Amino acid sequence: MYQLSRIHFFNNMSGDVGCEHFKRILDSQTTKGKLTDMRFSGTRASSNGSVHIVDGLTAGLPLFAESLLHLDLNDNTFSTAGPALAAAFTNGLGKNLVTLNLGECSMGDDTVKTICRALAKTSAHQLTKLELGGNELTAQSMRALSSLLSKSPLLTALGLSENELSSSSIIELTPGLKTLTKLTKLGLDCTELGDRGGTALALLQPALSSLATLECDGNMFTVGVHMKLGAAFGDTLIELEDNDFDGKDDDDEENDEEIDDSDDGEDAAPDACVDELSAAIGNL
C-alpha cells in the first residue's frame, strides 16, 4: 500500500499497459488527503489506455479529490474517454487545483466545456496555470472558458495553442481575458486567427498589461495587423516567424460558424462587452 504525496511519471514509452499499472498505483492509495501532485504525461497512451487513467481518477475521488493541487495529464488521448473525464471533474476532481495541464489530450469542445464549468464552481479562485493546447477546440467552447477565466483572478498562464479557434474565439474570450490582471503568458500559436482576431488582441492590451509573453505565431495576420500587435505589445509579442502575412481572414463576421450557446446559461459572454469590441474592430 502507498501513501504518496507526489506521483510523477512522464516522457516514457509505457503506452496503454503503463496506464493500467498507473491505475493500480492510484488504486493503492490509502491515506485520504495525502496526494497533492500528480503527473502522468507523454507516455504514448491511446484512448484505450486513457480509459484506465480516468477509472483510476474516478475511483480515487474520495481520497484525493480535495487534496490534489497540481494535475498534469498532458499528451494522453481522452477522445472517447472525454465524457468520463469530464464527469470526474464534475464530481469533484481538482476542486482545489492550482495548476492544470490538459494539453494535447484530444478532448474536444464538449469535454472542455464541462470541465470549465466544473472548475468555475470549485477551484477557479486559486487556479494559476491552465493548459488546453492541442485539443481540437473551436469557438464552441470559448464562452465556457471565458466564464471560467472571469472567476480566476490569480491565473498567470493560459495555453490555447494548436487549436482551431479562429478569430471569433477571441471575441468570445474577451470578457474573461479582460479580468486577468495577473496573466503573464498567453499561448495562441497556430490557432487559425486572422485579422479580426489579431485586432481584438491588440485592443485588449490595456487589460493585459501584465503580459510578459504573447505567443501567436503560425496564424494569418496581414502586415497591417502584425504592426498593430507589435505596437500594442512590443517585446511581449514573440516574433511571428511562421505567420502567413498573405493569409486571408476566412472567418469574417458574416462567415463565422454559428456558435451554439443554447445550453451555455451563465457561460454566455456579456453582450455589451462583445458588442463594444466588435464595433471597435469594425471601425479600424
Protein backbone atom coordinates (compact mmCIF):
# COMPACT_ATOMS: atom_id res chain seq x y z
CA MET A 1 0.00 0.00 0.00
CA TYR A 2 1.20 3.51 -0.82
CA GLN A 3 0.89 6.84 0.97
CA LEU A 4 2.32 9.09 -1.71
CA SER A 5 2.05 12.86 -1.77
CA ARG A 6 3.59 13.23 -5.25
CA ILE A 7 3.47 10.97 -8.33
CA HIS A 8 5.36 11.99 -11.48
CA PHE A 9 5.60 9.59 -14.43
CA PHE A 10 6.24 11.27 -17.78
CA ASN A 11 8.11 11.20 -21.10
CA ASN A 12 8.32 7.41 -21.19
CA MET A 13 7.05 4.83 -23.65
CA SER A 14 4.81 2.85 -21.32
CA GLY A 15 1.76 3.12 -23.59
CA ASP A 16 -1.58 1.59 -22.69
CA VAL A 17 -0.07 -1.08 -20.44
CA GLY A 18 1.55 1.68 -18.43
CA CYS A 19 -1.87 3.24 -17.95
CA GLU A 20 -3.12 0.00 -16.40
CA HIS A 21 -0.20 -0.07 -13.97
CA PHE A 22 -0.61 3.60 -13.12
CA LYS A 23 -4.25 2.91 -12.28
CA ARG A 24 -3.08 0.21 -9.86
CA ILE A 25 -0.86 2.78 -8.16
CA LEU A 26 -3.81 5.13 -7.77
CA ASP A 27 -5.97 2.26 -6.51
CA SER A 28 -3.34 1.52 -3.86
CA GLN A 29 -3.52 4.95 -2.22
CA THR A 30 -4.92 4.51 1.28
CA THR A 31 -4.42 7.83 3.04
CA LYS A 32 -7.09 10.44 2.46
CA GLY A 33 -5.79 13.92 1.72
CA LYS A 34 -2.17 12.87 1.15
CA LEU A 35 -1.77 13.13 -2.62
CA THR A 36 -1.24 16.72 -3.78
CA ASP A 37 0.73 16.46 -7.05
CA MET A 38 0.04 14.07 -9.93
CA ARG A 39 1.73 13.92 -13.34
CA PHE A 40 1.12 11.23 -15.94
CA SER A 41 2.08 12.65 -19.31
CA GLY A 42 3.95 11.91 -22.54
CA THR A 43 3.57 8.14 -22.26
CA ARG A 44 2.18 7.32 -25.73
CA ALA A 45 -1.17 6.37 -24.25
CA SER A 46 -4.02 5.80 -26.69
CA SER A 47 -7.71 6.28 -26.00
CA ASN A 48 -7.88 2.68 -24.73
CA GLY A 49 -5.16 3.31 -22.17
CA SER A 50 -6.57 6.65 -21.14
CA VAL A 51 -9.75 4.91 -20.00
CA HIS A 52 -7.69 3.28 -17.23
CA ILE A 53 -6.40 6.68 -16.14
CA VAL A 54 -9.93 8.06 -15.91
CA ASP A 55 -11.07 4.98 -13.99
CA GLY A 56 -8.23 5.45 -11.52
CA LEU A 57 -9.01 9.13 -11.06
CA THR A 58 -12.70 8.43 -10.57
CA ALA A 59 -12.13 5.64 -8.06
CA GLY A 60 -9.69 7.83 -6.13
CA LEU A 61 -12.04 10.80 -5.73
CA PRO A 62 -12.82 10.08 -2.06
CA LEU A 63 -9.07 10.05 -1.29
CA PHE A 64 -7.55 12.90 -3.28
CA ALA A 65 -10.31 14.99 -4.86
CA GLU A 66 -9.81 17.71 -2.24
CA SER A 67 -6.07 17.42 -1.67
CA LEU A 68 -4.89 17.47 -5.29
CA LEU A 69 -3.27 20.83 -6.11
CA HIS A 70 -1.35 20.02 -9.30
CA LEU A 71 -2.60 17.76 -12.11
CA ASP A 72 -0.74 17.14 -15.37
CA LEU A 73 -2.26 14.73 -17.89
CA ASN A 74 -0.58 16.26 -20.94
CA ASP A 75 -0.26 14.22 -24.12
CA ASN A 76 -2.79 11.49 -23.46
CA THR A 77 -5.74 10.66 -25.73
CA PHE A 78 -9.03 11.29 -23.96
CA SER A 79 -11.18 11.37 -27.08
CA THR A 80 -13.59 8.51 -26.27
CA ALA A 81 -12.80 8.80 -22.56
CA GLY A 82 -13.55 12.53 -22.62
CA PRO A 83 -17.08 12.34 -21.18
CA ALA A 84 -15.86 10.17 -18.29
CA LEU A 85 -13.00 12.58 -17.60
CA ALA A 86 -15.42 15.50 -17.63
CA ALA A 87 -17.70 13.60 -15.23
CA ALA A 88 -14.78 13.12 -12.83
CA PHE A 89 -14.28 16.89 -12.70
CA THR A 90 -18.00 17.45 -12.24
CA ASN A 91 -17.92 15.01 -9.31
CA GLY A 92 -15.10 16.82 -7.53
CA LEU A 93 -11.77 16.02 -9.20
CA GLY A 94 -9.48 19.01 -8.81
CA LYS A 95 -11.84 21.06 -6.69
CA ASN A 96 -8.79 22.78 -5.15
CA LEU A 97 -6.42 22.76 -8.14
CA VAL A 98 -3.73 25.40 -8.51
CA THR A 99 -2.30 24.17 -11.82
CA LEU A 100 -3.92 22.04 -14.52
CA ASN A 101 -2.28 20.77 -17.71
CA LEU A 102 -4.65 19.07 -20.16
CA GLY A 103 -2.70 19.93 -23.29
CA GLU A 104 -2.56 17.56 -26.26
CA CYS A 105 -5.37 15.42 -24.87
CA SER A 106 -7.75 15.34 -27.87
CA MET A 107 -10.70 16.23 -25.66
CA GLY A 108 -12.85 18.34 -27.98
CA ASP A 109 -15.30 21.15 -27.21
CA ASP A 110 -17.94 19.26 -25.23
CA THR A 111 -15.49 17.78 -22.74
CA VAL A 112 -13.69 21.09 -22.25
CA LYS A 113 -16.95 22.97 -21.73
CA THR A 114 -17.97 20.56 -18.98
CA ILE A 115 -14.56 20.75 -17.29
CA CYS A 116 -14.56 24.56 -17.43
CA ARG A 117 -17.99 24.72 -15.84
CA ALA A 118 -16.90 22.36 -13.06
CA LEU A 119 -13.74 24.35 -12.35
CA ALA A 120 -15.69 27.62 -12.37
CA LYS A 121 -17.72 26.29 -9.44
CA THR A 122 -14.74 25.00 -7.45
CA SER A 123 -11.06 25.84 -7.96
CA ALA A 124 -11.28 28.89 -10.23
CA HIS A 125 -10.45 31.29 -7.39
CA GLN A 126 -6.99 29.77 -6.86
CA LEU A 127 -6.10 28.49 -10.34
CA THR A 128 -2.77 29.93 -11.54
CA LYS A 129 -1.94 27.89 -14.66
CA LEU A 130 -4.24 26.32 -17.25
CA GLU A 131 -3.06 24.50 -20.39
CA LEU A 132 -5.59 23.44 -23.03
CA GLY A 133 -3.48 23.49 -26.18
CA GLY A 134 -3.85 20.78 -28.82
CA ASN A 135 -7.40 19.70 -28.01
CA GLU A 136 -9.24 20.30 -31.30
CA LEU A 137 -11.08 23.21 -29.70
CA THR A 138 -13.17 25.70 -31.66
CA ALA A 139 -15.16 28.80 -30.78
CA GLN A 140 -17.87 26.47 -29.46
CA SER A 141 -16.15 26.05 -26.08
CA MET A 142 -14.82 29.57 -25.63
CA ARG A 143 -17.79 31.04 -23.75
CA ALA A 144 -17.49 28.37 -21.07
CA LEU A 145 -13.76 29.05 -20.88
CA SER A 146 -14.37 32.81 -20.71
CA SER A 147 -16.71 32.28 -17.77
CA LEU A 148 -14.00 30.27 -16.00
CA LEU A 149 -11.40 32.96 -16.70
CA SER A 150 -13.63 35.64 -15.24
CA LYS A 151 -13.58 33.73 -11.95
CA SER A 152 -9.81 33.06 -11.98
CA PRO A 153 -8.14 36.26 -10.70
CA LEU A 154 -4.83 34.53 -9.93
CA LEU A 155 -4.28 32.99 -13.38
CA THR A 156 -0.78 33.75 -14.68
CA ALA A 157 -0.51 31.36 -17.66
CA LEU A 158 -3.08 30.28 -20.25
CA GLY A 159 -2.25 27.92 -23.13
CA LEU A 160 -4.55 27.52 -26.14
CA SER A 161 -2.10 26.88 -28.98
CA GLU A 162 -2.65 24.27 -31.70
CA ASN A 163 -6.45 24.55 -31.66
CA GLU A 164 -8.94 25.52 -34.37
CA LEU A 165 -10.12 28.65 -32.63
CA SER A 166 -10.48 31.25 -35.42
CA SER A 167 -10.84 34.96 -34.78
CA SER A 168 -14.35 34.62 -33.37
CA SER A 169 -12.90 32.78 -30.37
CA ILE A 170 -11.01 35.88 -29.28
CA ILE A 171 -14.28 37.80 -29.33
CA GLU A 172 -15.89 35.12 -27.18
CA LEU A 173 -12.94 35.14 -24.76
CA THR A 174 -12.83 38.92 -24.39
CA PRO A 175 -14.95 39.21 -21.19
CA GLY A 176 -12.80 36.64 -19.40
CA LEU A 177 -9.46 37.87 -20.73
CA LYS A 178 -10.25 41.40 -19.57
CA THR A 179 -10.31 40.21 -15.95
CA LEU A 180 -6.89 38.52 -15.96
CA THR A 181 -4.82 41.26 -14.37
CA LYS A 182 -2.06 38.84 -13.33
CA LEU A 183 -1.71 37.00 -16.65
CA THR A 184 1.93 36.90 -17.75
CA LYS A 185 1.82 34.29 -20.53
CA LEU A 186 -0.78 33.68 -23.24
CA GLY A 187 -0.30 30.95 -25.85
CA LEU A 188 -2.21 31.28 -29.14
CA ASP A 189 0.22 29.79 -31.67
CA CYS A 190 -1.37 28.04 -34.67
CA THR A 191 -4.97 28.77 -33.75
CA GLU A 192 -6.24 29.93 -37.18
CA LEU A 193 -6.50 33.56 -36.12
CA GLY A 194 -6.98 36.15 -38.85
CA ASP A 195 -7.04 39.93 -38.85
CA ARG A 196 -10.16 40.23 -36.69
CA GLY A 197 -8.58 38.08 -34.01
CA GLY A 198 -5.29 39.98 -34.18
CA THR A 199 -7.07 43.32 -33.96
CA ALA A 200 -9.11 42.08 -30.99
CA LEU A 201 -5.91 41.08 -29.21
CA ALA A 202 -4.34 44.48 -29.87
CA LEU A 203 -7.41 46.20 -28.41
CA LEU A 204 -7.16 44.01 -25.30
CA GLN A 205 -3.61 45.16 -24.48
CA PRO A 206 -4.62 47.67 -21.76
CA ALA A 207 -6.40 44.88 -19.88
CA LEU A 208 -3.47 42.51 -20.47
CA SER A 209 -0.77 44.93 -19.37
CA SER A 210 0.81 42.31 -17.11
CA LEU A 211 1.66 40.05 -20.08
CA ALA A 212 5.33 39.21 -20.45
CA THR A 213 4.89 36.69 -23.27
CA LEU A 214 2.33 36.61 -26.07
CA GLU A 215 2.66 33.65 -28.46
CA CYS A 216 0.53 33.91 -31.58
CA ASP A 217 2.78 32.69 -34.40
CA GLY A 218 1.52 30.41 -37.16
CA ASN A 219 -1.64 32.42 -37.80
CA MET A 220 -2.86 34.59 -40.69
CA PHE A 221 -2.24 38.24 -39.80
CA THR A 222 -1.66 40.70 -42.60
CA VAL A 223 1.24 43.12 -42.31
CA GLY A 224 -1.04 45.87 -41.03
CA VAL A 225 -2.41 43.80 -38.17
CA HIS A 226 1.06 42.50 -37.38
CA MET A 227 2.11 46.12 -36.94
CA LYS A 228 -0.88 46.76 -34.65
CA LEU A 229 0.11 43.82 -32.48
CA GLY A 230 3.72 44.97 -32.38
CA ALA A 231 2.72 48.50 -31.45
CA ALA A 232 0.40 47.25 -28.71
CA PHE A 233 2.58 44.58 -27.12
CA GLY A 234 6.15 45.48 -28.07
CA ASP A 235 8.72 42.94 -26.91
CA THR A 236 5.97 40.92 -25.26
CA LEU A 237 5.00 39.64 -28.71
CA ILE A 238 7.13 36.67 -29.72
CA GLU A 239 8.42 37.00 -33.29
CA LEU A 240 5.96 35.79 -35.93
CA GLU A 241 8.32 33.61 -37.95
CA ASP A 242 5.64 31.28 -39.34
CA ASN A 243 2.81 33.74 -39.77
CA ASP A 244 1.09 33.80 -43.18
CA PHE A 245 1.28 37.51 -43.97
CA ASP A 246 -0.67 36.93 -47.18
CA GLY A 247 -3.31 34.88 -45.45
CA LYS A 248 -6.96 35.76 -45.78
CA ASP A 249 -9.10 36.10 -42.68
CA ASP A 250 -11.61 33.41 -43.61
CA ASP A 251 -13.78 33.89 -40.56
CA ASP A 252 -15.20 37.29 -41.42
CA GLU A 253 -18.21 38.03 -39.25
CA GLU A 254 -20.73 37.09 -41.90
CA ASN A 255 -18.99 33.75 -42.49
CA ASP A 256 -18.46 32.74 -38.86
CA GLU A 257 -19.71 29.31 -37.90
CA GLU A 258 -22.77 29.79 -35.75
CA ILE A 259 -21.95 29.24 -32.11
CA ASP A 260 -24.46 27.07 -30.32
CA ASP A 261 -24.84 28.61 -26.88
CA SER A 262 -28.32 27.28 -26.18
CA ASP A 263 -27.08 25.33 -23.17
CA ASP A 264 -24.44 27.77 -22.00
CA GLY A 265 -26.57 29.56 -19.43
CA GLU A 266 -24.24 31.60 -17.22
CA ASP A 267 -21.39 30.93 -19.65
CA ALA A 268 -22.80 33.39 -22.17
CA ALA A 269 -20.41 36.29 -22.75
CA PRO A 270 -21.75 39.73 -21.72
CA ASP A 271 -23.31 41.18 -24.87
CA ALA A 272 -22.18 44.73 -24.13
CA CYS A 273 -18.55 43.70 -23.86
CA VAL A 274 -18.62 41.70 -27.08
CA ASP A 275 -20.55 44.37 -28.96
CA GLU A 276 -18.11 47.04 -27.83
CA LEU A 277 -15.13 45.07 -29.10
CA SER A 278 -16.85 44.14 -32.38
CA ALA A 279 -17.70 47.76 -33.01
CA ALA A 280 -14.13 48.83 -32.27
CA ILE A 281 -12.77 46.27 -34.73
CA GLY A 282 -15.22 47.37 -37.37
CA ASN A 283 -14.13 50.99 -37.03
CA LEU A 284 -10.44 50.26 -37.58
